[in-house]
N, C-alpha and C. Protein backbone atom coordinates (compact mmCIF):
# COMPACT_ATOMS: atom_id res chain seq x y z
N UNK A 1 21.53 21.46 -40.54
CA UNK A 1 21.31 21.93 -39.30
C UNK A 1 20.89 21.13 -38.01
N UNK A 2 19.75 20.21 -38.32
CA UNK A 2 19.27 19.69 -37.27
C UNK A 2 20.62 18.44 -36.66
N UNK A 3 20.69 17.54 -38.00
CA UNK A 3 22.15 16.76 -37.47
C UNK A 3 22.89 17.47 -36.85
N UNK A 4 23.16 18.25 -36.96
CA UNK A 4 24.11 19.49 -36.46
C UNK A 4 23.77 19.37 -34.79
N UNK A 5 22.88 19.98 -34.94
CA UNK A 5 21.84 19.74 -32.97
C UNK A 5 21.65 18.37 -32.41
N UNK A 6 21.52 16.98 -33.27
CA UNK A 6 21.38 16.25 -32.51
C UNK A 6 22.72 15.72 -32.37
N UNK A 7 23.93 16.09 -33.05
CA UNK A 7 25.48 15.77 -32.96
C UNK A 7 26.04 16.41 -31.71
N UNK A 8 25.42 17.87 -31.42
CA UNK A 8 25.90 18.87 -30.30
C UNK A 8 24.95 18.32 -29.15
N UNK A 9 23.88 18.01 -29.08
CA UNK A 9 23.14 16.86 -27.77
C UNK A 9 23.67 15.93 -27.72
N UNK A 10 24.24 15.05 -28.42
CA UNK A 10 25.09 13.89 -28.20
C UNK A 10 26.57 14.29 -27.32
N UNK A 11 27.09 15.12 -27.62
CA UNK A 11 28.36 15.59 -27.39
C UNK A 11 28.32 16.63 -25.79
N UNK A 12 27.11 17.40 -26.08
CA UNK A 12 26.84 17.66 -24.99
C UNK A 12 26.22 16.57 -23.54
N UNK A 13 25.58 15.51 -23.28
CA UNK A 13 25.30 15.32 -23.19
C UNK A 13 25.92 14.06 -22.20
N UNK A 14 27.60 13.53 -23.11
CA UNK A 14 28.46 12.74 -23.01
C UNK A 14 29.15 13.21 -22.41
N UNK A 15 28.93 14.73 -22.02
CA UNK A 15 29.91 15.64 -21.31
C UNK A 15 29.44 16.28 -19.66
N UNK A 16 28.19 16.17 -20.28
CA UNK A 16 27.46 17.15 -18.87
C UNK A 16 26.83 15.43 -17.92
N UNK A 17 26.74 14.78 -18.42
CA UNK A 17 26.09 13.36 -17.78
C UNK A 17 26.97 12.81 -16.81
N UNK A 18 28.33 12.67 -16.85
CA UNK A 18 29.34 12.39 -15.92
C UNK A 18 29.28 13.49 -14.69
N UNK A 19 29.20 14.94 -14.70
CA UNK A 19 29.49 15.73 -14.33
C UNK A 19 28.19 16.31 -13.26
N UNK A 20 26.70 15.43 -13.65
CA UNK A 20 25.90 15.62 -13.39
C UNK A 20 25.74 14.51 -12.19
N UNK A 21 26.41 13.17 -12.61
CA UNK A 21 26.58 12.10 -11.98
C UNK A 21 27.01 12.60 -10.50
N UNK A 22 28.65 13.35 -11.23
CA UNK A 22 29.31 13.65 -9.91
C UNK A 22 29.06 14.22 -9.07
N UNK A 23 28.28 15.47 -9.52
CA UNK A 23 27.13 16.71 -8.15
C UNK A 23 26.45 15.77 -7.78
N UNK A 24 25.30 14.68 -8.78
CA UNK A 24 24.31 14.24 -7.64
C UNK A 24 25.46 13.10 -6.57
N UNK A 25 26.19 12.66 -6.95
CA UNK A 25 26.80 11.64 -5.50
C UNK A 25 27.28 13.05 -5.07
N UNK A 26 27.95 13.77 -5.20
CA UNK A 26 28.77 14.78 -3.61
C UNK A 26 27.43 14.62 -3.21
N UNK A 27 26.14 15.40 -3.21
CA UNK A 27 24.69 16.00 -2.81
C UNK A 27 24.58 14.80 -1.99
N UNK A 28 24.01 13.20 -2.16
CA UNK A 28 24.16 12.29 -1.57
C UNK A 28 25.13 11.70 -0.36
N UNK A 29 26.02 12.04 -1.31
CA UNK A 29 27.06 11.57 -0.16
C UNK A 29 26.99 12.84 0.98
N UNK A 30 26.89 14.12 0.79
CA UNK A 30 26.86 15.21 1.96
C UNK A 30 25.35 14.89 3.00
N UNK A 31 25.04 14.48 2.65
CA UNK A 31 23.28 14.46 2.86
C UNK A 31 23.28 13.14 3.65
N UNK A 32 24.06 11.84 3.03
CA UNK A 32 24.02 10.51 4.11
C UNK A 32 25.30 10.81 5.19
N UNK A 33 25.95 11.62 4.98
CA UNK A 33 26.60 11.86 5.98
C UNK A 33 26.44 12.89 6.98
N UNK A 34 25.39 13.64 6.47
CA UNK A 34 25.03 14.64 7.56
C UNK A 34 23.45 13.59 8.39
N UNK A 35 23.02 13.01 7.87
CA UNK A 35 21.78 11.80 8.08
C UNK A 35 21.90 10.71 8.89
N UNK A 36 23.09 10.54 9.20
CA UNK A 36 23.66 9.32 10.81
C UNK A 36 23.70 10.61 11.59
N UNK A 37 23.89 11.56 11.75
CA UNK A 37 23.67 12.62 13.52
C UNK A 37 21.97 12.98 13.25
N UNK A 38 21.32 13.52 11.65
CA UNK A 38 20.45 14.20 11.90
C UNK A 38 18.98 13.13 12.02
N UNK A 39 19.09 12.04 11.59
CA UNK A 39 18.53 10.69 12.20
C UNK A 39 18.19 10.80 13.94
N UNK A 40 18.77 10.58 14.24
CA UNK A 40 18.67 10.14 15.90
C UNK A 40 18.32 11.44 15.97
N UNK A 41 18.62 12.75 16.08
CA UNK A 41 18.63 13.51 16.65
C UNK A 41 17.09 14.00 16.13
N UNK A 42 16.65 13.62 15.53
CA UNK A 42 15.06 13.58 14.63
C UNK A 42 13.58 12.85 15.04
N UNK A 43 14.55 11.43 15.85
CA UNK A 43 14.21 11.07 16.42
C UNK A 43 13.77 11.52 18.12
N UNK A 44 14.82 11.99 18.72
CA UNK A 44 15.28 12.49 19.66
C UNK A 44 13.69 13.51 20.17
N UNK A 45 13.73 14.62 18.45
CA UNK A 45 12.87 16.03 18.86
C UNK A 45 11.28 15.17 18.87
N UNK A 46 10.72 13.81 17.80
CA UNK A 46 9.61 13.28 17.89
C UNK A 46 9.36 13.21 19.42
N UNK A 47 10.26 12.11 20.16
CA UNK A 47 9.86 11.67 21.38
C UNK A 47 9.57 12.55 22.53
N UNK A 48 9.51 13.96 22.27
CA UNK A 48 9.44 14.88 23.39
C UNK A 48 8.14 15.94 23.77
N UNK A 49 7.43 16.18 24.28
CA UNK A 49 6.08 16.31 24.70
C UNK A 49 6.05 17.80 24.47
N UNK A 50 7.26 18.55 23.97
CA UNK A 50 7.07 19.83 23.66
C UNK A 50 6.81 19.92 22.42
N UNK A 51 7.17 19.18 21.83
CA UNK A 51 6.83 19.15 20.25
C UNK A 51 5.52 18.58 19.58
N UNK A 52 4.80 18.14 20.37
CA UNK A 52 3.71 17.10 20.30
C UNK A 52 2.44 18.33 20.36
N UNK A 53 2.81 19.41 20.41
CA UNK A 53 0.85 20.39 19.66
C UNK A 53 2.12 20.76 18.35
N UNK A 54 3.14 21.18 17.95
CA UNK A 54 3.53 21.26 16.86
C UNK A 54 3.27 20.57 15.79
N UNK A 55 3.50 18.86 16.37
CA UNK A 55 3.09 17.96 15.49
C UNK A 55 1.63 18.03 15.10
N UNK A 56 0.65 17.78 15.97
CA UNK A 56 -0.67 18.19 15.64
C UNK A 56 -0.98 19.07 15.34
N UNK A 57 -0.76 20.21 15.18
CA UNK A 57 -0.99 21.66 14.26
C UNK A 57 -0.24 20.95 12.88
N UNK A 58 0.62 20.25 12.51
CA UNK A 58 1.11 19.80 11.05
C UNK A 58 0.28 19.13 10.72
N UNK A 59 -0.31 18.18 11.31
CA UNK A 59 -1.07 16.82 10.47
C UNK A 59 -2.30 17.34 10.55
N UNK A 60 -2.86 18.85 11.47
CA UNK A 60 -3.88 19.24 10.89
C UNK A 60 -4.10 19.94 9.76
N UNK A 61 -2.99 20.14 8.66
CA UNK A 61 -3.15 20.70 7.63
C UNK A 61 -3.36 20.49 6.68
N UNK A 62 -3.69 20.76 5.35
CA UNK A 62 -4.09 20.55 4.35
C UNK A 62 -3.29 19.82 3.39
N UNK A 63 -3.18 19.28 2.54
CA UNK A 63 -1.46 18.93 2.10
C UNK A 63 -0.98 20.01 1.22
N UNK A 64 -1.55 21.04 0.46
CA UNK A 64 -0.95 22.53 0.16
C UNK A 64 0.08 22.77 0.64
N UNK A 65 -1.20 23.75 1.80
CA UNK A 65 -0.14 24.41 3.03
C UNK A 65 1.48 23.61 3.41
N UNK A 66 0.94 21.77 3.85
CA UNK A 66 2.01 20.92 4.43
C UNK A 66 3.07 21.03 3.40
N UNK A 67 2.89 21.11 1.97
CA UNK A 67 3.89 21.13 0.94
C UNK A 67 4.71 22.59 1.19
N UNK A 68 4.01 23.49 1.63
CA UNK A 68 4.15 24.56 1.69
C UNK A 68 5.56 24.82 2.78
N UNK A 69 5.09 24.05 3.95
CA UNK A 69 5.59 24.06 5.24
C UNK A 69 6.90 23.28 4.62
N UNK A 70 6.89 22.11 3.89
CA UNK A 70 7.68 20.93 3.86
C UNK A 70 8.81 22.00 3.33
N UNK A 71 8.52 23.13 1.98
CA UNK A 71 9.62 23.15 1.71
C UNK A 71 10.23 24.23 2.07
N UNK A 72 10.12 25.24 3.07
CA UNK A 72 10.57 26.15 4.02
C UNK A 72 11.90 25.74 4.37
N UNK A 73 12.11 25.05 5.36
CA UNK A 73 13.30 24.25 5.16
C UNK A 73 14.45 23.81 4.32
N UNK A 74 13.75 23.73 3.03
CA UNK A 74 14.20 23.38 1.61
C UNK A 74 15.36 24.43 1.02
N UNK A 75 14.25 25.56 1.32
CA UNK A 75 14.49 26.82 0.75
C UNK A 75 15.29 28.00 1.45
N UNK A 76 15.54 27.81 2.00
CA UNK A 76 16.19 28.60 3.45
C UNK A 76 17.19 27.87 3.85
N UNK A 77 17.23 27.16 3.58
CA UNK A 77 19.02 26.15 4.60
C UNK A 77 19.47 26.13 3.12
N UNK A 78 18.93 25.32 2.07
CA UNK A 78 20.29 24.95 0.66
C UNK A 78 21.50 26.05 0.18
N UNK A 79 20.83 27.23 0.89
CA UNK A 79 22.04 27.97 0.12
C UNK A 79 23.33 27.62 1.07
N UNK A 80 22.90 26.99 2.30
CA UNK A 80 23.90 27.04 3.69
C UNK A 80 25.34 26.38 2.38
N UNK A 81 24.86 25.13 1.67
CA UNK A 81 26.27 24.59 1.08
C UNK A 81 26.78 25.77 0.74
N UNK A 82 26.27 26.09 -1.10
CA UNK A 82 27.39 28.07 -1.02
C UNK A 82 28.00 28.38 -0.45
N UNK A 83 27.56 28.66 0.69
CA UNK A 83 28.00 29.77 1.34
C UNK A 83 28.79 29.50 2.66
N UNK A 84 28.58 27.96 2.78
CA UNK A 84 30.10 27.38 3.29
C UNK A 84 30.91 27.44 2.26
N UNK A 85 30.73 26.90 0.99
CA UNK A 85 32.21 26.87 0.35
C UNK A 85 32.61 28.11 -0.48
N UNK A 86 31.90 28.78 -0.26
CA UNK A 86 32.11 30.24 -0.43
C UNK A 86 33.30 30.29 1.03
N UNK A 87 33.08 30.50 2.15
CA UNK A 87 33.35 30.42 3.61
C UNK A 87 34.29 30.08 3.31
N UNK A 88 34.56 28.55 2.77
CA UNK A 88 35.99 28.25 2.63
C UNK A 88 37.39 28.42 2.21
N UNK A 89 36.60 28.81 0.57
CA UNK A 89 37.07 29.24 -0.59
C UNK A 89 37.59 30.80 0.28
N UNK A 90 37.73 31.31 0.60
CA UNK A 90 38.14 33.07 0.91
C UNK A 90 38.83 32.48 2.20
N UNK A 91 39.10 31.51 2.69
CA UNK A 91 40.39 30.85 4.16
C UNK A 91 39.18 31.10 5.72
N UNK A 92 38.30 30.97 5.28
CA UNK A 92 37.20 31.18 7.13
C UNK A 92 36.80 29.58 6.61
N UNK A 93 37.96 28.49 7.02
CA UNK A 93 37.78 26.93 7.00
C UNK A 93 36.58 26.79 7.89
N UNK A 94 37.34 27.31 9.20
CA UNK A 94 36.22 26.92 10.61
C UNK A 94 34.66 27.14 10.38
N UNK A 95 34.53 28.80 10.09
CA UNK A 95 33.76 29.27 10.09
C UNK A 95 32.94 28.27 9.08
N UNK A 96 33.48 28.29 7.76
CA UNK A 96 32.45 27.12 6.58
C UNK A 96 32.01 26.40 7.07
N UNK A 97 33.00 25.39 7.93
CA UNK A 97 32.19 24.06 8.22
C UNK A 97 30.98 24.07 8.96
N UNK A 98 31.28 25.12 10.57
CA UNK A 98 29.96 25.69 11.15
C UNK A 98 29.00 25.52 10.46
N UNK A 99 28.93 26.35 9.80
CA UNK A 99 27.76 26.77 8.95
C UNK A 99 27.02 25.51 8.14
N UNK A 100 28.47 24.97 7.48
CA UNK A 100 27.92 23.73 6.53
C UNK A 100 26.96 22.63 7.34
N UNK A 101 27.68 22.26 8.99
CA UNK A 101 27.55 21.39 9.83
C UNK A 101 25.97 21.42 10.65
N UNK A 102 26.33 22.44 10.41
CA UNK A 102 25.23 22.99 11.55
C UNK A 102 24.07 23.23 10.61
N UNK A 103 23.97 24.30 9.77
CA UNK A 103 22.57 24.25 8.36
C UNK A 103 22.62 22.95 8.09
N UNK A 104 23.06 21.53 7.89
CA UNK A 104 22.85 21.26 6.99
C UNK A 104 21.79 19.79 8.23
N UNK A 105 22.28 19.95 9.25
CA UNK A 105 22.19 18.95 9.90
C UNK A 105 20.39 19.88 10.42
N UNK A 106 20.26 20.79 10.85
CA UNK A 106 19.33 21.57 10.96
C UNK A 106 18.17 21.33 10.03
N UNK A 107 18.57 21.79 8.99
CA UNK A 107 17.59 20.93 7.67
C UNK A 107 17.34 19.67 7.37
N UNK A 108 18.41 18.80 7.60
CA UNK A 108 17.97 17.21 8.29
C UNK A 108 17.34 17.01 8.54
N UNK A 109 17.19 17.33 10.06
CA UNK A 109 15.90 17.19 10.78
C UNK A 109 14.84 18.01 10.17
N UNK A 110 14.85 18.94 10.30
CA UNK A 110 13.49 19.40 10.26
C UNK A 110 13.15 18.67 8.99
N UNK A 111 13.47 18.29 8.27
CA UNK A 111 12.58 17.52 6.64
C UNK A 111 12.48 16.26 7.07
N UNK A 112 13.34 15.83 7.68
CA UNK A 112 13.08 14.51 7.71
C UNK A 112 11.79 14.48 9.19
N UNK A 113 11.47 14.91 10.39
CA UNK A 113 10.49 15.42 11.33
C UNK A 113 9.20 15.68 9.62
N UNK A 114 9.11 16.89 9.25
CA UNK A 114 8.00 16.80 8.65
C UNK A 114 7.60 16.18 7.77
N UNK A 115 8.69 15.27 6.97
CA UNK A 115 8.76 14.28 6.30
C UNK A 115 7.93 13.15 6.65
N UNK A 116 8.13 12.59 7.84
CA UNK A 116 7.69 11.81 8.28
C UNK A 116 6.29 12.18 9.04
N UNK A 117 5.85 12.93 9.44
CA UNK A 117 4.75 13.70 10.46
C UNK A 117 3.80 13.39 9.24
N UNK A 118 4.20 14.10 8.02
CA UNK A 118 2.72 14.53 6.59
C UNK A 118 3.14 13.33 5.70
N UNK A 119 4.03 12.49 5.66
CA UNK A 119 4.73 11.69 4.27
C UNK A 119 2.55 11.59 3.11
N UNK A 120 1.91 11.11 4.16
CA UNK A 120 0.79 10.62 3.18
C UNK A 120 0.37 11.77 2.81
N UNK A 121 -0.10 13.14 3.79
CA UNK A 121 -0.47 13.93 3.05
C UNK A 121 0.48 14.99 1.71
N UNK A 122 1.63 15.16 1.64
CA UNK A 122 2.66 15.01 0.41
C UNK A 122 2.56 14.15 -0.10
N UNK A 123 2.32 12.76 -0.29
CA UNK A 123 2.18 11.67 -1.39
C UNK A 123 1.01 11.82 -2.32
N UNK A 124 0.19 12.82 -1.77
CA UNK A 124 -0.93 12.63 -2.30
C UNK A 124 -1.27 13.85 -3.15
N UNK A 125 -0.05 14.43 -3.14
CA UNK A 125 0.39 16.10 -4.74
C UNK A 125 1.18 15.51 -5.53
N UNK A 126 0.28 14.87 -6.50
CA UNK A 126 1.40 13.81 -7.76
C UNK A 126 2.13 14.65 -8.02
N UNK A 127 2.58 16.64 -8.49
CA UNK A 127 3.73 16.61 -8.87
C UNK A 127 4.50 16.16 -7.63
N UNK A 128 4.01 16.00 -6.31
CA UNK A 128 5.35 15.89 -5.69
C UNK A 128 5.43 14.43 -5.38
N UNK A 129 4.57 13.15 -5.47
CA UNK A 129 4.92 12.38 -5.89
C UNK A 129 5.55 11.61 -6.85
N UNK A 130 5.70 12.46 -8.06
CA UNK A 130 6.37 12.58 -8.74
C UNK A 130 7.76 12.78 -8.61
N UNK A 131 7.95 13.72 -8.19
CA UNK A 131 9.14 14.25 -7.73
C UNK A 131 10.27 13.66 -7.01
N UNK A 132 9.04 12.79 -5.94
CA UNK A 132 9.91 11.95 -4.54
C UNK A 132 10.23 10.49 -5.13
N UNK A 133 9.48 9.86 -6.70
CA UNK A 133 10.03 8.62 -6.94
C UNK A 133 11.40 9.14 -8.07
N UNK A 134 11.29 9.78 -8.42
CA UNK A 134 11.95 10.78 -9.47
C UNK A 134 13.71 10.29 -9.06
N UNK A 135 13.31 11.51 -7.08
CA UNK A 135 14.15 11.65 -5.98
C UNK A 135 14.95 9.78 -5.89
N UNK A 136 13.52 9.03 -5.20
CA UNK A 136 14.34 7.92 -5.12
C UNK A 136 15.14 7.07 -6.04
N UNK A 137 14.28 6.97 -6.83
CA UNK A 137 14.85 6.78 -8.12
C UNK A 137 16.52 7.03 -8.42
N UNK A 138 16.94 8.33 -8.78
CA UNK A 138 17.98 8.72 -8.62
C UNK A 138 19.33 7.90 -7.62
N UNK A 139 18.85 8.07 -6.45
CA UNK A 139 19.38 8.08 -5.43
C UNK A 139 19.54 6.34 -5.79
N UNK A 140 18.51 5.68 -6.13
CA UNK A 140 19.00 4.01 -5.99
C UNK A 140 19.70 4.38 -7.42
N UNK A 141 20.02 4.80 -8.15
CA UNK A 141 20.54 3.99 -9.47
C UNK A 141 22.18 4.92 -8.80
N UNK A 142 22.81 6.11 -8.16
CA UNK A 142 23.53 6.55 -7.43
C UNK A 142 24.17 4.82 -6.58
N UNK A 143 23.06 4.55 -5.67
CA UNK A 143 23.65 3.74 -4.53
C UNK A 143 24.10 2.35 -5.09
N UNK A 144 23.65 2.07 -6.41
CA UNK A 144 23.47 0.62 -6.98
C UNK A 144 24.89 1.18 -7.87
N UNK A 145 25.68 2.59 -7.94
CA UNK A 145 26.50 2.10 -8.77
C UNK A 145 28.12 1.90 -8.03
N UNK A 146 28.99 1.00 -8.53
CA UNK A 146 30.27 0.15 -8.51
C UNK A 146 30.95 1.27 -7.39
N UNK A 147 30.81 2.48 -7.97
CA UNK A 147 31.73 3.46 -6.94
C UNK A 147 31.18 3.99 -5.61
N UNK A 148 29.81 4.06 -5.55
CA UNK A 148 29.34 3.89 -4.34
C UNK A 148 29.64 3.14 -3.52
N UNK A 149 29.55 2.06 -3.89
CA UNK A 149 29.52 0.64 -3.48
C UNK A 149 31.25 0.69 -2.52
N UNK A 150 32.09 1.30 -3.61
CA UNK A 150 33.98 1.34 -3.43
C UNK A 150 33.48 2.45 -2.11
N UNK A 151 33.18 3.82 -1.55
CA UNK A 151 32.97 4.61 -0.99
C UNK A 151 32.50 4.38 0.41
N UNK A 152 30.95 3.39 0.02
CA UNK A 152 30.77 2.83 0.99
C UNK A 152 31.50 1.80 2.13
N UNK A 153 31.96 0.92 1.18
CA UNK A 153 33.31 -0.08 1.79
C UNK A 153 34.21 0.58 2.58
N UNK A 154 34.56 2.03 1.62
CA UNK A 154 35.68 2.75 2.30
C UNK A 154 35.21 3.40 3.96
N UNK A 155 33.72 4.27 3.96
CA UNK A 155 33.49 4.57 4.75
C UNK A 155 33.41 3.28 6.13
N UNK A 156 32.60 2.67 5.50
CA UNK A 156 32.39 1.41 7.41
C UNK A 156 34.00 1.10 7.46
N UNK A 157 34.72 1.17 6.86
CA UNK A 157 36.44 0.31 7.14
C UNK A 157 36.85 1.71 8.03
N UNK A 158 36.51 2.97 7.75
CA UNK A 158 36.99 4.61 8.29
C UNK A 158 36.18 4.40 9.57
N UNK A 159 34.58 4.20 9.60
CA UNK A 159 33.83 4.19 10.79
C UNK A 159 34.16 3.32 11.92
N UNK A 160 34.92 1.78 11.30
CA UNK A 160 35.56 0.85 11.83
C UNK A 160 36.98 1.51 13.43
N UNK A 161 37.45 1.76 12.09
CA UNK A 161 38.96 2.14 12.32
C UNK A 161 38.93 3.15 13.83
N UNK A 162 37.85 4.60 13.28
CA UNK A 162 37.40 5.48 14.25
C UNK A 162 36.69 4.86 15.53
N UNK A 163 35.93 3.88 15.15
CA UNK A 163 35.54 3.41 16.61
C UNK A 163 36.14 2.35 17.45
N UNK A 164 37.47 1.64 17.30
CA UNK A 164 38.56 0.78 17.48
C UNK A 164 39.87 1.78 17.97
N UNK A 165 39.34 3.06 17.28
CA UNK A 165 40.72 3.84 18.11
C UNK A 165 39.75 4.70 19.41
N UNK A 166 38.40 5.12 18.89
CA UNK A 166 37.50 5.48 20.43
C UNK A 166 38.33 4.81 21.19
N UNK A 167 37.36 3.36 21.08
CA UNK A 167 37.71 2.14 22.72
C UNK A 167 38.99 2.40 22.20
N UNK A 168 39.71 2.06 22.00
CA UNK A 168 41.26 1.90 22.35
C UNK A 168 41.61 3.26 23.48
N UNK A 169 41.11 4.70 23.06
CA UNK A 169 41.74 5.68 24.20
C UNK A 169 41.14 5.76 25.12
N UNK A 170 39.57 5.42 24.83
CA UNK A 170 38.64 5.61 26.32
C UNK A 170 38.99 4.27 27.21
N UNK A 171 39.64 3.38 27.08
CA UNK A 171 40.26 2.05 27.76
C UNK A 171 41.78 2.93 28.35
N UNK A 172 42.50 3.03 27.18
CA UNK A 172 43.81 3.81 27.87
C UNK A 172 43.28 4.65 29.41
N UNK A 173 42.16 5.77 29.00
CA UNK A 173 41.64 6.79 30.27
C UNK A 173 41.06 6.23 31.30
N UNK A 174 40.96 5.08 30.76
CA UNK A 174 39.59 4.68 32.68
C UNK A 174 40.86 3.41 32.79
N UNK A 175 41.57 3.10 32.22
CA UNK A 175 43.10 2.18 33.26
C UNK A 175 44.43 3.84 33.60
N UNK A 176 44.29 5.06 33.23
CA UNK A 176 45.03 5.79 33.66
C UNK A 176 44.37 6.01 35.20
N UNK A 177 42.79 6.34 35.15
CA UNK A 177 41.92 6.76 36.37
C UNK A 177 42.39 5.98 37.22
N UNK A 178 42.46 5.07 36.92
CA UNK A 178 42.07 3.73 38.05
C UNK A 178 44.25 3.70 38.14
N UNK A 179 45.29 3.81 37.54
CA UNK A 179 45.82 4.02 38.71
C UNK A 179 46.50 4.95 39.25
N UNK A 180 45.64 6.29 38.46
CA UNK A 180 45.76 7.34 39.09
C UNK A 180 45.39 7.33 40.36
N UNK A 181 43.89 6.91 40.47
CA UNK A 181 43.40 7.19 42.00
C UNK A 181 43.65 6.36 42.87
N UNK A 182 44.42 4.99 42.67
CA UNK A 182 44.93 4.41 43.48
C UNK A 182 46.19 4.04 44.13
N UNK A 183 46.94 5.39 43.64
CA UNK A 183 48.15 5.67 43.98
C UNK A 183 47.59 6.83 45.44
């Protein structure tokens, strides 16, 4: 019986490990894509004096209330992904993509700001520090994978192509404006 359980466990691990890797990779890719927008937006929020009082209030909190505050956007906005998938699956593609983009950007901006303001307090909580380092290790493992490196190369190539097309289009629009104005 024990041998059967061990063999079953080995087979399940062989099947589940690639699925978990795929799901984690998709999760990190989606977050990485949205982080390119969320980080500048988060920095913009940090620079405005309107949010200074809110920042002061967050800094004044003790570690566990800060953890609770940090968890709110995660708990409230993490279900955005399955809701967006449901909307896309039921034929509401535009609505699903809008829900995904807006929800993810809002979540990442809030989490980024809260973490940057209260990182030391959060890291003083042993369970949070452990989970954070496990998250960093998992992310490092995925980022170091050959498949991830290939996706990064492809994304850089795509970004370059889009940027080049955008510059060419803007140059043609300027040339068209200059030609139109000189007539």
